[in-house]
């Protein structure tokens, strides 16, 4: 059965708008996954202690048959395919893909917490989520 998932996209390297479009195409191509809606793109200051460029952020609302762990693994594979190298925490990145919420699931496993533990601390995620919630039927 398909579930609702909210996936955050962020980029602060290269042609950020093109990167977000490419990530959205890859996500839409995932098995049993449909992009239902996308939030507006928002520019934000970087988080963390490392000086770097501003981010472009967007959130997608998905319907997917992939479970939370399978969706996470697929998103990490997209990041790698798009050139993401995980060098330092809070460092610049060509693409960052995070599951913010997965239906009403509360999950705490190694490497996967749902809802995302940073949701209460990221106003831009809260705004993007609020923009997408009306599309959940």
N, C-alpha and C. Protein backbone atom coordinates (compact mmCIF):
# COMPACT_ATOMS: atom_id res chain seq x y z
N UNK A 1 0.84 -1.19 0.00
CA UNK A 1 0.00 0.00 0.00
C UNK A 1 0.89 1.25 0.00
N UNK A 2 0.52 2.24 -0.76
CA UNK A 2 1.31 3.47 -0.85
C UNK A 2 1.10 4.33 0.40
N UNK A 3 2.18 4.96 0.81
CA UNK A 3 2.17 5.84 1.98
C UNK A 3 2.59 7.24 1.56
N UNK A 4 2.28 8.23 2.41
CA UNK A 4 2.70 9.60 2.19
C UNK A 4 4.09 9.80 2.77
N UNK A 5 4.95 10.47 2.04
CA UNK A 5 6.28 10.80 2.55
C UNK A 5 6.63 12.22 2.15
N UNK A 6 7.27 12.93 3.06
CA UNK A 6 7.73 14.30 2.83
C UNK A 6 9.26 14.26 2.80
N UNK A 7 9.83 14.64 1.67
CA UNK A 7 11.28 14.57 1.48
C UNK A 7 11.82 15.96 1.21
N UNK A 8 12.81 16.36 2.02
CA UNK A 8 13.45 17.67 1.87
C UNK A 8 14.64 17.55 0.94
N UNK A 9 14.79 18.53 0.06
CA UNK A 9 15.91 18.62 -0.86
C UNK A 9 16.68 19.90 -0.54
N UNK A 10 18.00 19.83 -0.55
CA UNK A 10 18.81 21.02 -0.33
C UNK A 10 20.09 20.94 -1.14
N UNK A 11 20.55 22.10 -1.62
CA UNK A 11 21.79 22.17 -2.39
C UNK A 11 22.43 23.53 -2.18
N UNK A 12 23.77 23.52 -2.01
CA UNK A 12 24.48 24.81 -1.96
C UNK A 12 25.77 24.77 -2.78
N UNK A 13 25.81 23.88 -3.77
CA UNK A 13 26.98 23.80 -4.66
C UNK A 13 26.51 23.72 -6.10
N UNK A 14 27.24 24.37 -7.00
CA UNK A 14 26.92 24.29 -8.43
C UNK A 14 25.66 25.06 -8.77
N UNK A 15 25.00 24.63 -9.84
CA UNK A 15 23.73 25.22 -10.27
C UNK A 15 22.63 24.64 -9.39
N UNK A 16 22.38 25.29 -8.27
CA UNK A 16 21.49 24.75 -7.24
C UNK A 16 20.09 24.44 -7.78
N UNK A 17 19.55 25.31 -8.61
CA UNK A 17 18.20 25.06 -9.16
C UNK A 17 18.20 23.82 -10.03
N UNK A 18 19.21 23.66 -10.88
CA UNK A 18 19.31 22.47 -11.73
C UNK A 18 19.48 21.21 -10.88
N UNK A 19 20.22 21.31 -9.80
CA UNK A 19 20.43 20.17 -8.91
C UNK A 19 19.10 19.73 -8.30
N UNK A 20 18.30 20.69 -7.83
CA UNK A 20 17.00 20.34 -7.26
C UNK A 20 16.09 19.69 -8.31
N UNK A 21 16.11 20.22 -9.53
CA UNK A 21 15.29 19.61 -10.61
C UNK A 21 15.74 18.19 -10.89
N UNK A 22 17.05 17.97 -10.95
CA UNK A 22 17.57 16.63 -11.22
C UNK A 22 17.20 15.67 -10.10
N UNK A 23 17.34 16.10 -8.87
CA UNK A 23 16.98 15.25 -7.73
C UNK A 23 15.50 14.88 -7.79
N UNK A 24 14.66 15.84 -8.12
CA UNK A 24 13.22 15.57 -8.22
C UNK A 24 12.95 14.53 -9.30
N UNK A 25 13.65 14.61 -10.44
CA UNK A 25 13.48 13.60 -11.51
C UNK A 25 13.88 12.21 -11.02
N UNK A 26 15.00 12.13 -10.31
CA UNK A 26 15.45 10.83 -9.79
C UNK A 26 14.45 10.26 -8.79
N UNK A 27 13.93 11.11 -7.92
CA UNK A 27 12.96 10.65 -6.92
C UNK A 27 11.68 10.18 -7.60
N UNK A 28 11.22 10.92 -8.59
CA UNK A 28 9.99 10.53 -9.31
C UNK A 28 10.16 9.21 -10.05
N UNK A 29 11.40 8.84 -10.35
CA UNK A 29 11.66 7.59 -11.07
C UNK A 29 11.79 6.38 -10.14
N UNK A 30 11.73 6.59 -8.83
CA UNK A 30 11.84 5.46 -7.91
C UNK A 30 10.65 4.53 -8.07
N UNK A 31 10.89 3.25 -7.89
CA UNK A 31 9.85 2.24 -8.01
C UNK A 31 8.66 2.57 -7.11
N UNK A 32 7.47 2.55 -7.70
CA UNK A 32 6.25 2.73 -6.93
C UNK A 32 6.14 4.06 -6.24
N UNK A 33 6.77 5.09 -6.79
CA UNK A 33 6.80 6.40 -6.15
C UNK A 33 6.31 7.47 -7.11
N UNK A 34 5.45 8.33 -6.61
CA UNK A 34 4.92 9.44 -7.40
C UNK A 34 5.11 10.74 -6.62
N UNK A 35 5.60 11.77 -7.30
CA UNK A 35 5.68 13.09 -6.69
C UNK A 35 4.31 13.74 -6.84
N UNK A 36 3.67 13.99 -5.72
CA UNK A 36 2.31 14.55 -5.72
C UNK A 36 2.35 16.08 -5.78
N UNK A 37 3.28 16.67 -5.05
CA UNK A 37 3.38 18.14 -5.01
C UNK A 37 4.79 18.53 -4.57
N UNK A 38 5.15 19.76 -4.89
CA UNK A 38 6.45 20.31 -4.50
C UNK A 38 6.22 21.70 -3.89
N UNK A 39 6.93 21.98 -2.83
CA UNK A 39 6.84 23.30 -2.21
C UNK A 39 7.59 24.31 -3.07
N UNK A 40 7.41 25.57 -2.72
CA UNK A 40 8.22 26.62 -3.34
C UNK A 40 9.68 26.39 -2.96
N UNK A 41 10.57 26.88 -3.79
CA UNK A 41 12.01 26.81 -3.50
C UNK A 41 12.35 28.02 -2.63
N UNK A 42 13.15 27.77 -1.61
CA UNK A 42 13.49 28.82 -0.65
C UNK A 42 15.00 28.84 -0.45
N UNK A 43 15.58 30.03 -0.42
CA UNK A 43 17.00 30.17 -0.13
C UNK A 43 17.18 30.38 1.37
N UNK A 44 18.12 29.62 1.96
CA UNK A 44 18.34 29.71 3.39
C UNK A 44 19.84 29.80 3.69
N UNK A 45 20.13 30.33 4.86
CA UNK A 45 21.51 30.37 5.33
C UNK A 45 21.92 28.97 5.74
N UNK A 46 23.21 28.65 5.60
CA UNK A 46 23.67 27.32 6.00
C UNK A 46 23.57 27.14 7.51
N UNK A 47 23.38 25.90 7.92
CA UNK A 47 23.36 25.55 9.34
C UNK A 47 24.73 25.03 9.73
N UNK A 48 25.09 25.17 10.98
CA UNK A 48 26.34 24.62 11.46
C UNK A 48 27.47 25.62 11.41
N UNK A 49 28.66 25.18 11.86
CA UNK A 49 29.79 26.08 12.08
C UNK A 49 30.68 26.33 10.86
N UNK A 50 30.46 25.64 9.75
CA UNK A 50 31.37 25.72 8.61
C UNK A 50 30.92 26.83 7.66
N UNK A 51 31.79 27.82 7.36
CA UNK A 51 31.41 28.88 6.40
C UNK A 51 31.17 28.27 5.02
N UNK A 52 30.04 28.63 4.41
CA UNK A 52 29.68 28.09 3.10
C UNK A 52 28.57 28.93 2.49
N UNK A 53 28.25 28.62 1.25
CA UNK A 53 27.22 29.35 0.50
C UNK A 53 25.83 29.03 1.02
N UNK A 54 24.88 29.90 0.66
CA UNK A 54 23.47 29.69 1.01
C UNK A 54 22.93 28.47 0.27
N UNK A 55 21.90 27.89 0.84
CA UNK A 55 21.23 26.73 0.27
C UNK A 55 19.97 27.13 -0.48
N UNK A 56 19.62 26.33 -1.47
CA UNK A 56 18.26 26.32 -1.99
C UNK A 56 17.62 25.07 -1.43
N UNK A 57 16.40 25.23 -0.90
CA UNK A 57 15.67 24.13 -0.28
C UNK A 57 14.29 24.01 -0.90
N UNK A 58 13.81 22.79 -0.91
CA UNK A 58 12.47 22.49 -1.39
C UNK A 58 12.02 21.19 -0.73
N UNK A 59 10.73 21.00 -0.61
CA UNK A 59 10.21 19.75 -0.08
C UNK A 59 9.24 19.15 -1.08
N UNK A 60 9.29 17.82 -1.18
CA UNK A 60 8.38 17.08 -2.05
C UNK A 60 7.43 16.24 -1.22
N UNK A 61 6.21 16.15 -1.68
CA UNK A 61 5.23 15.22 -1.12
C UNK A 61 5.16 14.03 -2.06
N UNK A 62 5.41 12.84 -1.52
CA UNK A 62 5.40 11.62 -2.32
C UNK A 62 4.30 10.68 -1.88
N UNK A 63 3.87 9.85 -2.82
CA UNK A 63 3.11 8.62 -2.52
C UNK A 63 4.07 7.52 -2.94
N UNK A 64 4.37 6.62 -2.01
CA UNK A 64 5.37 5.59 -2.32
C UNK A 64 5.01 4.26 -1.69
N UNK A 65 5.39 3.20 -2.39
CA UNK A 65 5.25 1.85 -1.83
C UNK A 65 6.52 1.45 -1.07
N UNK A 66 7.56 2.26 -1.19
CA UNK A 66 8.80 1.97 -0.48
C UNK A 66 8.62 2.23 1.01
N UNK A 67 9.07 1.31 1.83
CA UNK A 67 9.04 1.53 3.27
C UNK A 67 10.07 2.58 3.66
N UNK A 68 10.05 3.04 4.89
CA UNK A 68 10.96 4.10 5.31
C UNK A 68 12.44 3.77 5.06
N UNK A 69 12.89 2.59 5.43
CA UNK A 69 14.31 2.23 5.26
C UNK A 69 14.66 2.13 3.78
N UNK A 70 13.78 1.51 2.97
CA UNK A 70 14.03 1.40 1.53
C UNK A 70 14.05 2.77 0.87
N UNK A 71 13.15 3.67 1.29
CA UNK A 71 13.15 5.03 0.74
C UNK A 71 14.44 5.74 1.10
N UNK A 72 14.87 5.62 2.35
CA UNK A 72 16.13 6.25 2.76
C UNK A 72 17.30 5.73 1.93
N UNK A 73 17.39 4.43 1.74
CA UNK A 73 18.49 3.86 0.96
C UNK A 73 18.44 4.35 -0.49
N UNK A 74 17.24 4.48 -1.04
CA UNK A 74 17.10 4.99 -2.41
C UNK A 74 17.55 6.45 -2.49
N UNK A 75 17.21 7.26 -1.49
CA UNK A 75 17.62 8.66 -1.47
C UNK A 75 19.13 8.80 -1.32
N UNK A 76 19.73 7.96 -0.48
CA UNK A 76 21.19 7.99 -0.33
C UNK A 76 21.88 7.59 -1.63
N UNK A 77 21.29 6.65 -2.36
CA UNK A 77 21.86 6.25 -3.66
C UNK A 77 21.77 7.40 -4.66
N UNK A 78 20.66 8.15 -4.63
CA UNK A 78 20.52 9.32 -5.51
C UNK A 78 21.59 10.35 -5.16
N UNK A 79 21.78 10.60 -3.87
CA UNK A 79 22.83 11.55 -3.45
C UNK A 79 24.18 11.14 -4.03
N UNK A 80 24.53 9.86 -3.88
CA UNK A 80 25.82 9.39 -4.39
C UNK A 80 25.91 9.54 -5.91
N UNK A 81 24.84 9.18 -6.61
CA UNK A 81 24.80 9.28 -8.07
C UNK A 81 24.98 10.72 -8.52
N UNK A 82 24.49 11.66 -7.72
CA UNK A 82 24.57 13.07 -8.08
C UNK A 82 25.88 13.71 -7.60
N UNK A 83 26.77 12.93 -7.00
CA UNK A 83 28.08 13.44 -6.64
C UNK A 83 28.28 13.85 -5.19
N UNK A 84 27.32 13.52 -4.34
CA UNK A 84 27.50 13.88 -2.93
C UNK A 84 28.59 13.03 -2.30
N UNK A 85 29.49 13.70 -1.62
CA UNK A 85 30.54 13.04 -0.86
C UNK A 85 30.35 13.46 0.60
N UNK A 86 30.17 12.50 1.45
CA UNK A 86 29.97 12.80 2.87
C UNK A 86 31.33 12.95 3.55
N UNK A 87 31.82 14.18 3.58
CA UNK A 87 33.15 14.43 4.13
C UNK A 87 33.07 14.92 5.58
N UNK A 88 32.35 16.01 5.81
CA UNK A 88 32.26 16.56 7.16
C UNK A 88 30.82 16.94 7.47
N UNK A 89 30.45 16.70 8.72
CA UNK A 89 29.09 17.04 9.17
C UNK A 89 28.88 18.54 9.01
N UNK A 90 27.72 18.92 8.50
CA UNK A 90 27.32 20.31 8.29
C UNK A 90 28.11 20.99 7.18
N UNK A 91 28.85 20.22 6.38
CA UNK A 91 29.64 20.80 5.30
C UNK A 91 28.80 21.07 4.07
N UNK A 92 29.38 21.76 3.08
CA UNK A 92 28.66 22.03 1.83
C UNK A 92 28.33 20.73 1.11
N UNK A 93 27.26 20.77 0.34
CA UNK A 93 26.85 19.55 -0.37
C UNK A 93 26.13 19.89 -1.66
N UNK A 94 26.42 19.08 -2.66
CA UNK A 94 25.75 19.28 -3.95
C UNK A 94 24.27 18.95 -3.79
N UNK A 95 23.94 17.92 -3.00
CA UNK A 95 22.54 17.57 -2.77
C UNK A 95 22.42 16.92 -1.39
N UNK A 96 21.35 17.24 -0.72
CA UNK A 96 21.02 16.63 0.56
C UNK A 96 19.55 16.24 0.49
N UNK A 97 19.26 14.98 0.74
CA UNK A 97 17.89 14.46 0.69
C UNK A 97 17.56 13.86 2.05
N UNK A 98 16.50 14.35 2.68
CA UNK A 98 16.10 13.87 4.01
C UNK A 98 14.62 13.54 4.02
N UNK A 99 14.29 12.40 4.63
CA UNK A 99 12.88 12.11 4.90
C UNK A 99 12.51 12.90 6.14
N UNK A 100 11.58 13.83 5.99
CA UNK A 100 11.16 14.67 7.10
C UNK A 100 10.02 13.99 7.87
N UNK A 101 9.07 13.45 7.13
CA UNK A 101 7.97 12.68 7.72
C UNK A 101 7.63 11.55 6.78
N UNK A 102 7.19 10.44 7.35
CA UNK A 102 6.72 9.30 6.57
C UNK A 102 5.39 8.91 7.18
N UNK A 103 4.30 9.32 6.52
CA UNK A 103 2.94 9.10 7.01
C UNK A 103 2.88 9.48 8.48
N UNK A 104 2.29 8.65 9.33
CA UNK A 104 2.22 8.96 10.76
C UNK A 104 3.23 8.11 11.54
N UNK A 105 4.24 7.63 10.86
CA UNK A 105 5.21 6.71 11.46
C UNK A 105 6.12 7.44 12.45
N UNK A 106 6.28 6.86 13.62
CA UNK A 106 7.29 7.25 14.60
C UNK A 106 8.28 6.11 14.66
N UNK A 107 9.53 6.39 14.30
CA UNK A 107 10.52 5.34 14.15
C UNK A 107 11.86 5.85 14.67
N UNK A 108 12.55 5.00 15.41
CA UNK A 108 13.87 5.36 15.92
C UNK A 108 14.78 4.15 15.74
N UNK A 109 15.53 4.17 14.63
CA UNK A 109 16.47 3.11 14.29
C UNK A 109 17.82 3.76 14.01
N UNK A 110 18.88 2.98 14.02
CA UNK A 110 20.18 3.55 13.66
C UNK A 110 20.13 4.19 12.27
N UNK A 111 20.43 5.49 12.20
CA UNK A 111 20.47 6.20 10.93
C UNK A 111 19.12 6.63 10.39
N UNK A 112 18.03 6.37 11.12
CA UNK A 112 16.70 6.74 10.63
C UNK A 112 15.77 7.05 11.80
N UNK A 113 15.45 8.33 11.94
CA UNK A 113 14.49 8.78 12.95
C UNK A 113 13.36 9.49 12.23
N UNK A 114 12.13 9.08 12.54
CA UNK A 114 10.95 9.70 11.93
C UNK A 114 9.93 10.03 13.01
N UNK A 115 9.35 11.23 12.93
CA UNK A 115 9.72 12.32 12.04
C UNK A 115 11.18 12.72 12.27
N UNK A 116 11.75 13.43 11.30
CA UNK A 116 13.15 13.85 11.38
C UNK A 116 13.34 14.69 12.64
N UNK A 117 14.36 14.37 13.44
CA UNK A 117 14.54 15.10 14.71
C UNK A 117 14.84 16.59 14.56
N UNK A 118 15.26 17.04 13.38
CA UNK A 118 15.55 18.46 13.18
C UNK A 118 14.33 19.27 12.75
N UNK A 119 13.20 18.60 12.50
CA UNK A 119 11.99 19.31 12.04
C UNK A 119 11.61 20.48 12.96
N UNK A 120 11.60 20.30 14.27
CA UNK A 120 11.21 21.44 15.13
C UNK A 120 12.18 22.62 15.08
N UNK A 121 13.40 22.40 14.58
CA UNK A 121 14.44 23.43 14.60
C UNK A 121 14.63 24.12 13.24
N UNK A 122 13.92 23.68 12.24
CA UNK A 122 14.11 24.22 10.89
C UNK A 122 12.81 24.86 10.41
N UNK A 123 12.77 26.18 10.55
CA UNK A 123 11.57 26.91 10.15
C UNK A 123 11.23 26.71 8.69
N UNK A 124 12.23 26.61 7.83
CA UNK A 124 11.95 26.44 6.41
C UNK A 124 11.28 25.09 6.15
N UNK A 125 11.67 24.03 6.88
CA UNK A 125 10.99 22.74 6.73
C UNK A 125 9.54 22.86 7.20
N UNK A 126 9.32 23.57 8.28
CA UNK A 126 7.96 23.73 8.80
C UNK A 126 7.08 24.47 7.80
N UNK A 127 7.63 25.52 7.18
CA UNK A 127 6.87 26.27 6.16
C UNK A 127 6.56 25.38 4.96
N UNK A 128 7.57 24.64 4.49
CA UNK A 128 7.39 23.78 3.31
C UNK A 128 6.39 22.67 3.61
N UNK A 129 6.47 22.08 4.79
CA UNK A 129 5.53 21.04 5.19
C UNK A 129 4.11 21.60 5.22
N UNK A 130 3.94 22.77 5.80
CA UNK A 130 2.61 23.40 5.87
C UNK A 130 2.06 23.66 4.47
N UNK A 131 2.94 24.02 3.54
CA UNK A 131 2.50 24.27 2.17
C UNK A 131 2.01 22.98 1.50
N UNK A 132 2.59 21.85 1.85
CA UNK A 132 2.27 20.58 1.20
C UNK A 132 1.12 19.81 1.87
N UNK A 133 0.90 20.03 3.16
CA UNK A 133 -0.12 19.27 3.88
C UNK A 133 -1.50 19.31 3.23
N UNK A 134 -1.95 20.43 2.65
CA UNK A 134 -3.27 20.43 2.03
C UNK A 134 -3.41 19.43 0.87
N UNK A 135 -2.29 18.94 0.31
CA UNK A 135 -2.34 17.99 -0.80
C UNK A 135 -2.54 16.54 -0.34
N UNK A 136 -2.45 16.32 0.97
CA UNK A 136 -2.65 14.97 1.50
C UNK A 136 -4.14 14.73 1.59
N UNK A 137 -4.59 13.72 0.85
CA UNK A 137 -6.04 13.44 0.83
C UNK A 137 -6.38 12.29 1.76
